[in-house]
């Protein structure tokens, strides 16, 4: 699947992605994750559907330079709702069952370009 961040219908594609991982996780009774790619040196985002119906967004910083790490981490903490991971190398945002897919999709689209990351076309790989 491709996600063109510059396309008007990006929120529709992102919403479909959220619905897909959530539905597959519920049907398979296990977590299903989709990784949204990033240009070299930028942050990838993982969208995970849980069998309970929760959706989780995860951003990892370990592949970033220390400057980008700081900028992305600060931008996400300023958005609110993001919790630091136990190892300190990423952040997580959890959405309860019943959350509209568009709500998660809008946050996904916003964080893909946080810290100055390019608004280009991303590849989405679903593992599950």
N, C-alpha and C. Protein backbone atom coordinates (compact mmCIF):
# COMPACT_ATOMS: atom_id res chain seq x y z
N UNK A 1 0.85 -1.16 0.00
CA UNK A 1 0.00 0.00 0.00
C UNK A 1 0.90 1.23 0.00
N UNK A 2 0.48 2.26 -0.74
CA UNK A 2 1.20 3.53 -0.75
C UNK A 2 0.36 4.59 -0.07
N UNK A 3 1.03 5.46 0.66
CA UNK A 3 0.39 6.57 1.36
C UNK A 3 1.07 7.86 0.89
N UNK A 4 0.39 8.60 0.03
CA UNK A 4 0.93 9.85 -0.51
C UNK A 4 0.50 10.99 0.41
N UNK A 5 1.45 11.51 1.18
CA UNK A 5 1.14 12.53 2.17
C UNK A 5 0.70 13.85 1.54
N UNK A 6 0.98 14.03 0.27
CA UNK A 6 0.58 15.25 -0.42
C UNK A 6 -0.77 15.14 -1.11
N UNK A 7 -1.37 13.96 -1.08
CA UNK A 7 -2.63 13.72 -1.77
C UNK A 7 -3.80 14.14 -0.88
N UNK A 8 -4.80 14.74 -1.49
CA UNK A 8 -5.99 15.18 -0.76
C UNK A 8 -6.67 14.02 -0.04
N UNK A 9 -6.62 12.83 -0.62
CA UNK A 9 -7.29 11.68 -0.02
C UNK A 9 -6.39 10.88 0.93
N UNK A 10 -5.29 11.45 1.38
CA UNK A 10 -4.40 10.73 2.29
C UNK A 10 -5.12 10.29 3.55
N UNK A 11 -6.03 11.11 4.06
CA UNK A 11 -6.75 10.73 5.28
C UNK A 11 -7.65 9.52 5.03
N UNK A 12 -8.20 9.41 3.84
CA UNK A 12 -9.01 8.24 3.51
C UNK A 12 -8.16 6.98 3.45
N UNK A 13 -6.98 7.07 2.85
CA UNK A 13 -6.08 5.92 2.77
C UNK A 13 -5.60 5.55 4.17
N UNK A 14 -5.23 6.55 4.98
CA UNK A 14 -4.76 6.29 6.35
C UNK A 14 -5.88 5.69 7.20
N UNK A 15 -7.12 6.17 7.03
CA UNK A 15 -8.25 5.60 7.76
C UNK A 15 -8.47 4.14 7.38
N UNK A 16 -8.34 3.85 6.10
CA UNK A 16 -8.47 2.46 5.62
C UNK A 16 -7.38 1.60 6.27
N UNK A 17 -6.18 2.12 6.37
CA UNK A 17 -5.08 1.39 7.01
C UNK A 17 -5.42 1.07 8.46
N UNK A 18 -5.91 2.06 9.20
CA UNK A 18 -6.28 1.86 10.61
C UNK A 18 -7.38 0.81 10.72
N UNK A 19 -8.41 0.93 9.90
CA UNK A 19 -9.50 -0.07 9.92
C UNK A 19 -8.98 -1.47 9.59
N UNK A 20 -8.07 -1.55 8.65
CA UNK A 20 -7.54 -2.85 8.22
C UNK A 20 -6.77 -3.53 9.33
N UNK A 21 -5.83 -2.82 9.98
CA UNK A 21 -5.04 -3.48 11.03
C UNK A 21 -5.93 -3.83 12.23
N UNK A 22 -6.87 -2.97 12.54
CA UNK A 22 -7.78 -3.27 13.67
C UNK A 22 -8.62 -4.51 13.37
N UNK A 23 -9.22 -4.55 12.18
CA UNK A 23 -10.07 -5.68 11.80
C UNK A 23 -9.28 -6.98 11.73
N UNK A 24 -8.11 -6.94 11.11
CA UNK A 24 -7.30 -8.15 11.02
C UNK A 24 -6.88 -8.65 12.39
N UNK A 25 -6.56 -7.73 13.31
CA UNK A 25 -6.16 -8.13 14.66
C UNK A 25 -7.31 -8.79 15.40
N UNK A 26 -8.49 -8.22 15.30
CA UNK A 26 -9.66 -8.79 15.98
C UNK A 26 -9.98 -10.17 15.41
N UNK A 27 -9.97 -10.27 14.09
CA UNK A 27 -10.31 -11.55 13.45
C UNK A 27 -9.27 -12.63 13.73
N UNK A 28 -7.98 -12.24 13.80
CA UNK A 28 -6.90 -13.22 14.02
C UNK A 28 -6.61 -13.46 15.50
N UNK A 29 -7.22 -12.66 16.38
CA UNK A 29 -6.99 -12.75 17.83
C UNK A 29 -5.50 -12.58 18.18
N UNK A 30 -4.86 -11.65 17.48
CA UNK A 30 -3.46 -11.31 17.76
C UNK A 30 -3.15 -9.94 17.18
N UNK A 31 -2.07 -9.35 17.63
CA UNK A 31 -1.67 -8.04 17.14
C UNK A 31 -1.32 -8.09 15.66
N UNK A 32 -1.67 -7.03 14.95
CA UNK A 32 -1.29 -6.86 13.55
C UNK A 32 -0.67 -5.47 13.43
N UNK A 33 0.53 -5.41 12.86
CA UNK A 33 1.24 -4.14 12.77
C UNK A 33 1.48 -3.75 11.32
N UNK A 34 1.41 -2.45 11.07
CA UNK A 34 1.73 -1.90 9.75
C UNK A 34 2.81 -0.85 9.97
N UNK A 35 3.88 -0.97 9.20
CA UNK A 35 4.98 -0.01 9.30
C UNK A 35 4.90 0.96 8.12
N UNK A 36 4.88 2.25 8.45
CA UNK A 36 4.88 3.30 7.43
C UNK A 36 6.32 3.74 7.27
N UNK A 37 6.85 3.61 6.07
CA UNK A 37 8.26 3.92 5.81
C UNK A 37 8.55 5.41 5.99
N UNK A 38 9.83 5.72 5.95
CA UNK A 38 10.28 7.11 6.04
C UNK A 38 11.52 7.27 5.17
N UNK A 39 11.77 8.48 4.70
CA UNK A 39 13.02 8.71 3.98
C UNK A 39 14.21 8.45 4.90
N UNK A 40 15.37 8.16 4.33
CA UNK A 40 16.56 7.92 5.14
C UNK A 40 16.77 9.05 6.14
N UNK A 41 17.04 8.67 7.37
CA UNK A 41 17.32 9.65 8.41
C UNK A 41 16.09 10.19 9.11
N UNK A 42 14.90 9.71 8.76
CA UNK A 42 13.67 10.18 9.38
C UNK A 42 12.98 9.03 10.10
N UNK A 43 11.92 9.35 10.82
CA UNK A 43 11.25 8.38 11.68
C UNK A 43 10.14 7.62 10.95
N UNK A 44 10.15 6.31 11.15
CA UNK A 44 9.06 5.46 10.70
C UNK A 44 7.99 5.46 11.77
N UNK A 45 6.78 5.10 11.38
CA UNK A 45 5.69 4.99 12.34
C UNK A 45 5.07 3.61 12.19
N UNK A 46 4.79 2.98 13.32
CA UNK A 46 4.14 1.67 13.32
C UNK A 46 2.72 1.85 13.85
N UNK A 47 1.76 1.33 13.10
CA UNK A 47 0.36 1.34 13.49
C UNK A 47 0.01 -0.10 13.85
N UNK A 48 -0.38 -0.32 15.11
CA UNK A 48 -0.67 -1.68 15.56
C UNK A 48 -2.13 -1.79 15.97
N UNK A 49 -2.78 -2.80 15.41
CA UNK A 49 -4.13 -3.15 15.84
C UNK A 49 -4.01 -4.26 16.86
N UNK A 50 -4.73 -4.13 17.96
CA UNK A 50 -4.73 -5.15 19.02
C UNK A 50 -6.02 -5.96 18.93
N UNK A 51 -5.96 -7.19 19.36
CA UNK A 51 -7.14 -8.06 19.29
C UNK A 51 -8.30 -7.51 20.11
N UNK A 52 -8.01 -6.62 21.05
CA UNK A 52 -9.05 -6.00 21.88
C UNK A 52 -9.77 -4.86 21.16
N UNK A 53 -9.24 -4.45 20.00
CA UNK A 53 -9.82 -3.32 19.26
C UNK A 53 -9.07 -2.02 19.46
N UNK A 54 -8.08 -2.02 20.35
CA UNK A 54 -7.23 -0.84 20.53
C UNK A 54 -6.38 -0.63 19.27
N UNK A 55 -5.99 0.61 19.03
CA UNK A 55 -5.01 0.93 17.99
C UNK A 55 -3.89 1.71 18.66
N UNK A 56 -2.65 1.38 18.31
CA UNK A 56 -1.48 1.98 18.94
C UNK A 56 -0.58 2.55 17.85
N UNK A 57 -0.16 3.80 18.02
CA UNK A 57 0.84 4.41 17.14
C UNK A 57 2.17 4.44 17.88
N UNK A 58 3.24 4.07 17.20
CA UNK A 58 4.56 4.03 17.82
C UNK A 58 5.57 4.72 16.90
N UNK A 59 6.37 5.59 17.50
CA UNK A 59 7.49 6.23 16.79
C UNK A 59 8.76 5.87 17.56
N UNK A 60 9.75 5.35 16.84
CA UNK A 60 11.04 5.01 17.45
C UNK A 60 12.08 6.03 16.99
N UNK A 61 12.97 6.41 17.91
CA UNK A 61 13.97 7.42 17.62
C UNK A 61 15.35 6.86 17.33
N UNK A 62 15.56 5.59 17.58
CA UNK A 62 16.91 5.02 17.56
C UNK A 62 17.63 5.16 16.22
N UNK A 63 16.90 5.32 15.12
CA UNK A 63 17.54 5.46 13.81
C UNK A 63 17.82 6.92 13.45
N UNK A 64 17.47 7.85 14.33
CA UNK A 64 17.62 9.27 14.04
C UNK A 64 18.93 9.82 14.59
N UNK A 65 19.40 10.90 13.98
CA UNK A 65 20.53 11.61 14.58
C UNK A 65 20.06 12.22 15.89
N UNK A 66 20.98 12.58 16.75
CA UNK A 66 20.57 13.13 18.05
C UNK A 66 19.78 14.42 17.88
N UNK A 67 20.11 15.23 16.87
CA UNK A 67 19.38 16.48 16.64
C UNK A 67 17.94 16.19 16.21
N UNK A 68 17.77 15.28 15.26
CA UNK A 68 16.40 14.93 14.82
C UNK A 68 15.64 14.24 15.93
N UNK A 69 16.32 13.38 16.67
CA UNK A 69 15.70 12.70 17.81
C UNK A 69 15.09 13.75 18.73
N UNK A 70 15.88 14.74 19.10
CA UNK A 70 15.41 15.79 20.01
C UNK A 70 14.23 16.56 19.41
N UNK A 71 14.34 16.93 18.14
CA UNK A 71 13.27 17.71 17.50
C UNK A 71 11.97 16.93 17.38
N UNK A 72 12.05 15.67 16.98
CA UNK A 72 10.85 14.85 16.83
C UNK A 72 10.24 14.56 18.20
N UNK A 73 11.08 14.22 19.17
CA UNK A 73 10.59 13.93 20.52
C UNK A 73 9.89 15.15 21.11
N UNK A 74 10.48 16.32 20.94
CA UNK A 74 9.87 17.55 21.47
C UNK A 74 8.55 17.85 20.76
N UNK A 75 8.52 17.72 19.44
CA UNK A 75 7.30 18.00 18.69
C UNK A 75 6.17 17.07 19.12
N UNK A 76 6.48 15.81 19.35
CA UNK A 76 5.43 14.87 19.77
C UNK A 76 4.99 15.13 21.21
N UNK A 77 5.91 15.48 22.08
CA UNK A 77 5.50 15.76 23.46
C UNK A 77 4.65 17.03 23.52
N UNK A 78 4.92 17.98 22.63
CA UNK A 78 4.11 19.20 22.57
C UNK A 78 2.69 18.92 22.09
N UNK A 79 2.49 17.84 21.32
CA UNK A 79 1.16 17.47 20.81
C UNK A 79 0.27 16.92 21.92
N UNK A 80 0.88 16.35 22.93
CA UNK A 80 0.11 15.75 24.02
C UNK A 80 -0.41 14.38 23.65
N UNK A 81 -0.63 13.53 24.67
CA UNK A 81 -1.17 12.20 24.44
C UNK A 81 -0.15 11.13 24.14
N UNK A 82 1.12 11.52 24.01
CA UNK A 82 2.18 10.58 23.69
C UNK A 82 2.92 10.21 24.96
N UNK A 83 3.15 8.90 25.16
CA UNK A 83 3.84 8.40 26.34
C UNK A 83 5.22 7.88 25.94
N UNK A 84 6.26 8.23 26.72
CA UNK A 84 7.59 7.70 26.40
C UNK A 84 7.63 6.18 26.60
N UNK A 85 8.36 5.50 25.73
CA UNK A 85 8.54 4.06 25.88
C UNK A 85 9.47 3.80 27.06
N UNK A 86 9.40 2.60 27.61
CA UNK A 86 10.21 2.25 28.78
C UNK A 86 11.70 2.40 28.54
N UNK A 87 12.15 2.14 27.31
CA UNK A 87 13.58 2.24 27.03
C UNK A 87 14.02 3.66 26.67
N UNK A 88 13.09 4.59 26.59
CA UNK A 88 13.42 5.98 26.30
C UNK A 88 13.77 6.26 24.85
N UNK A 89 13.59 5.28 23.97
CA UNK A 89 13.98 5.44 22.58
C UNK A 89 12.80 5.57 21.63
N UNK A 90 11.65 5.95 22.17
CA UNK A 90 10.48 6.12 21.33
C UNK A 90 9.31 6.59 22.16
N UNK A 91 8.18 6.79 21.47
CA UNK A 91 6.95 7.21 22.13
C UNK A 91 5.78 6.42 21.56
N UNK A 92 4.71 6.33 22.35
CA UNK A 92 3.54 5.54 21.99
C UNK A 92 2.28 6.34 22.29
N UNK A 93 1.30 6.19 21.42
CA UNK A 93 -0.02 6.78 21.67
C UNK A 93 -1.05 5.68 21.47
N UNK A 94 -1.91 5.50 22.46
CA UNK A 94 -2.91 4.43 22.45
C UNK A 94 -4.31 5.02 22.25
N UNK A 95 -5.09 4.32 21.43
CA UNK A 95 -6.48 4.70 21.18
C UNK A 95 -7.38 3.55 21.60
N UNK A 96 -8.40 3.81 22.41
CA UNK A 96 -9.28 2.74 22.89
C UNK A 96 -10.18 2.20 21.78
N UNK A 97 -10.74 0.99 22.01
CA UNK A 97 -11.69 0.45 21.04
C UNK A 97 -12.82 1.45 20.81
N UNK A 98 -13.28 1.52 19.58
CA UNK A 98 -14.37 2.42 19.25
C UNK A 98 -13.92 3.78 18.76
N UNK A 99 -12.62 4.09 18.89
CA UNK A 99 -12.11 5.35 18.37
C UNK A 99 -12.26 5.36 16.85
N UNK A 100 -12.80 6.45 16.32
CA UNK A 100 -12.96 6.57 14.87
C UNK A 100 -11.61 6.42 14.16
N UNK A 101 -11.60 5.68 13.07
CA UNK A 101 -10.37 5.49 12.30
C UNK A 101 -9.81 6.83 11.82
N UNK A 102 -10.68 7.78 11.47
CA UNK A 102 -10.23 9.09 11.00
C UNK A 102 -9.46 9.84 12.08
N UNK A 103 -9.84 9.67 13.34
CA UNK A 103 -9.13 10.33 14.44
C UNK A 103 -7.68 9.85 14.49
N UNK A 104 -7.49 8.54 14.40
CA UNK A 104 -6.15 7.97 14.40
C UNK A 104 -5.42 8.39 13.12
N UNK A 105 -6.12 8.38 12.00
CA UNK A 105 -5.51 8.72 10.71
C UNK A 105 -4.99 10.15 10.69
N UNK A 106 -5.75 11.09 11.23
CA UNK A 106 -5.28 12.48 11.26
C UNK A 106 -4.02 12.61 12.10
N UNK A 107 -3.95 11.91 13.22
CA UNK A 107 -2.74 11.96 14.04
C UNK A 107 -1.57 11.30 13.31
N UNK A 108 -1.82 10.17 12.66
CA UNK A 108 -0.79 9.50 11.88
C UNK A 108 -0.21 10.43 10.83
N UNK A 109 -1.06 11.09 10.07
CA UNK A 109 -0.58 11.99 9.01
C UNK A 109 0.22 13.15 9.59
N UNK A 110 -0.22 13.66 10.73
CA UNK A 110 0.49 14.78 11.35
C UNK A 110 1.87 14.37 11.83
N UNK A 111 1.99 13.20 12.42
CA UNK A 111 3.29 12.82 12.98
C UNK A 111 4.27 12.33 11.93
N UNK A 112 3.78 11.92 10.77
CA UNK A 112 4.70 11.49 9.72
C UNK A 112 5.57 12.63 9.23
N UNK A 113 5.09 13.85 9.36
CA UNK A 113 5.88 15.00 8.88
C UNK A 113 6.39 15.88 10.02
N UNK A 114 6.22 15.44 11.26
CA UNK A 114 6.66 16.23 12.40
C UNK A 114 8.19 16.39 12.37
N UNK A 115 8.66 17.51 12.83
CA UNK A 115 10.10 17.76 12.88
C UNK A 115 10.71 18.09 11.54
N UNK A 116 9.85 18.32 10.52
CA UNK A 116 10.35 18.69 9.21
C UNK A 116 10.51 17.54 8.23
N UNK A 117 10.04 16.36 8.59
CA UNK A 117 10.13 15.22 7.66
C UNK A 117 9.36 15.53 6.38
N UNK A 118 9.87 15.10 5.24
CA UNK A 118 9.22 15.40 3.96
C UNK A 118 7.82 14.81 3.83
N UNK A 119 6.94 15.55 3.18
CA UNK A 119 5.57 15.08 2.91
C UNK A 119 5.56 14.40 1.55
N UNK A 120 6.14 13.21 1.50
CA UNK A 120 6.27 12.48 0.25
C UNK A 120 5.38 11.24 0.26
N UNK A 121 5.61 10.34 -0.66
CA UNK A 121 4.86 9.09 -0.72
C UNK A 121 5.58 8.04 0.12
N UNK A 122 4.82 7.38 1.00
CA UNK A 122 5.40 6.37 1.90
C UNK A 122 4.85 4.99 1.55
N UNK A 123 5.65 4.00 1.82
CA UNK A 123 5.23 2.61 1.63
C UNK A 123 4.73 2.07 2.97
N UNK A 124 3.62 1.36 2.92
CA UNK A 124 3.06 0.76 4.13
C UNK A 124 3.18 -0.77 3.99
N UNK A 125 3.78 -1.39 4.98
CA UNK A 125 3.93 -2.83 5.00
C UNK A 125 3.18 -3.39 6.19
N UNK A 126 2.22 -4.27 5.92
CA UNK A 126 1.42 -4.87 6.99
C UNK A 126 2.00 -6.24 7.32
N UNK A 127 2.28 -6.44 8.60
CA UNK A 127 2.81 -7.70 9.09
C UNK A 127 1.73 -8.38 9.89
N UNK A 128 1.14 -9.34 9.35
CA UNK A 128 0.09 -10.01 10.10
C UNK A 128 -0.76 -10.78 9.19
